Amino acid sequence: QVQLVESGGGLVQAGGSLRLSCAASLRTFSVRAMGWFRQVLGKEREFVGTVSWNGGSTYYADSVKGRFTMSRDNARNTVYLQMNNLKPDDTAIYYCAAAREGVSMPRETRDYTYWGQGTQVTVSS
């Protein structure tokens, strides 16, 4: 059974940093793009960023560009989201997701096959 498990969320003050991790029990992890999304209660799930299968390419939403960085370790089946200079607007549940095989730099939820359960990030002002 495929599982994606996020960790690293928590409460941080504005301007602070957090590093989220997502460990995947997915045999084809190393050939899939991975993504991070976030969601606030009552709003649609929002794209945050994606990293290519080999970690060589990344793409971010404008709202996090320059502050967030994605990376991955295929030997550990883990993807990371380093979040710096956090703002109260970054408060959300953060989800990692594994894309459908063969999809390049996916930014839509429909391009992702597997999802984690989410981890809460709260940024206080």
Foldseek 3Di string as FASTA:
>chain_A
DKAWAKDWADEEAAQAKIKMKIAIPDPCQLQWKKFKWWDDPPDDIFGAKIAGSNRPDMDGDPVQPPFWDKGDDVVRRMIMIIGGRDDQVVWTWMKMFTFDGPDDGDGDPVRTDDIHPTDTHGYHD
